Every structure is written in C-alpha cells, then in structure tokens.
Amino acid sequence: MTKIPAACTKRALTGRAVRLELDVEARDKYRRLLAYIYLDGGRTPSGCW
C-alpha cells in the first residue's frame, strides 16, 4: 500500500467501529490478510478504494 491510499484509509476509518469478514482464503501467498471491511451499520467504506 502506498502512502496516499494508506493515509486515506486511516482518515476514513480512525475512530470508527469496523468489522472484518475474511475471504475464502484468509491470507494470500505473500501472507497479507484478505478481508472485507464493514463500518458500523453494515456499510462499506468508500472514497479510498
């Protein structure tokens, strides 16, 4: 993740309750976590992705 998307993600999610739902495979071949992000109320975040 580059600095700009990381900063956008941090700004969008800081201080908010989130729920992670793991994908079929929890990790990829590089051991990165694969998960969907849901905000409180079931919404998905937008604007950064």
Protein backbone atom coordinates (compact mmCIF):
# COMPACT_ATOMS: atom_id res chain seq x y z
CA MET A 1 0.00 0.00 0.00
CA THR A 2 1.40 3.37 -0.93
CA LYS A 3 1.37 6.40 1.34
CA ILE A 4 -1.63 8.16 -0.24
CA PRO A 5 -4.10 5.23 -0.07
CA ALA A 6 -2.82 4.35 3.41
CA ALA A 7 -3.46 7.91 4.61
CA CYS A 8 -6.92 7.93 3.03
CA THR A 9 -7.80 4.61 4.68
CA LYS A 10 -6.52 5.79 8.06
CA ARG A 11 -8.51 9.04 7.80
CA ALA A 12 -11.70 7.18 6.78
CA LEU A 13 -11.53 4.51 9.49
CA THR A 14 -9.84 6.11 12.52
CA GLY A 15 -12.18 6.22 15.50
CA ARG A 16 -14.87 4.12 13.80
CA ALA A 17 -16.08 0.65 14.67
CA VAL A 18 -15.30 -1.77 11.85
CA ARG A 19 -15.95 -5.45 11.23
CA LEU A 20 -13.68 -7.61 9.10
CA GLU A 21 -15.08 -10.53 7.16
CA LEU A 22 -12.37 -12.89 5.96
CA ASP A 23 -12.31 -14.02 2.36
CA VAL A 24 -12.37 -17.72 1.42
CA GLU A 25 -8.59 -17.78 1.87
CA ALA A 26 -7.62 -15.72 4.93
CA ARG A 27 -4.16 -14.88 3.54
CA ASP A 28 -2.59 -14.63 0.09
CA LYS A 29 0.75 -16.08 -0.97
CA TYR A 30 2.52 -13.02 0.49
CA ARG A 31 0.76 -13.58 3.88
CA ARG A 32 -1.39 -10.43 3.51
CA LEU A 33 -4.75 -10.56 5.25
CA LEU A 34 -7.66 -10.79 2.79
CA ALA A 35 -10.80 -9.36 4.33
CA TYR A 36 -13.80 -7.18 3.55
CA ILE A 37 -14.24 -4.09 5.73
CA TYR A 38 -17.68 -3.15 7.03
CA LEU A 39 -18.40 0.00 9.01
CA ASP A 40 -20.91 0.21 11.83
CA GLY A 41 -24.35 -0.24 10.33
CA GLY A 42 -23.07 -2.69 7.70
CA ARG A 43 -21.91 -0.05 5.22
CA THR A 44 -18.72 -0.49 3.25
CA PRO A 45 -16.28 2.42 3.23
CA SER A 46 -15.94 4.39 0.00
CA GLY A 47 -13.76 7.12 -1.40
CA CYS A 48 -10.38 5.47 -0.94
CA TRP A 49 -10.76 2.33 -2.98
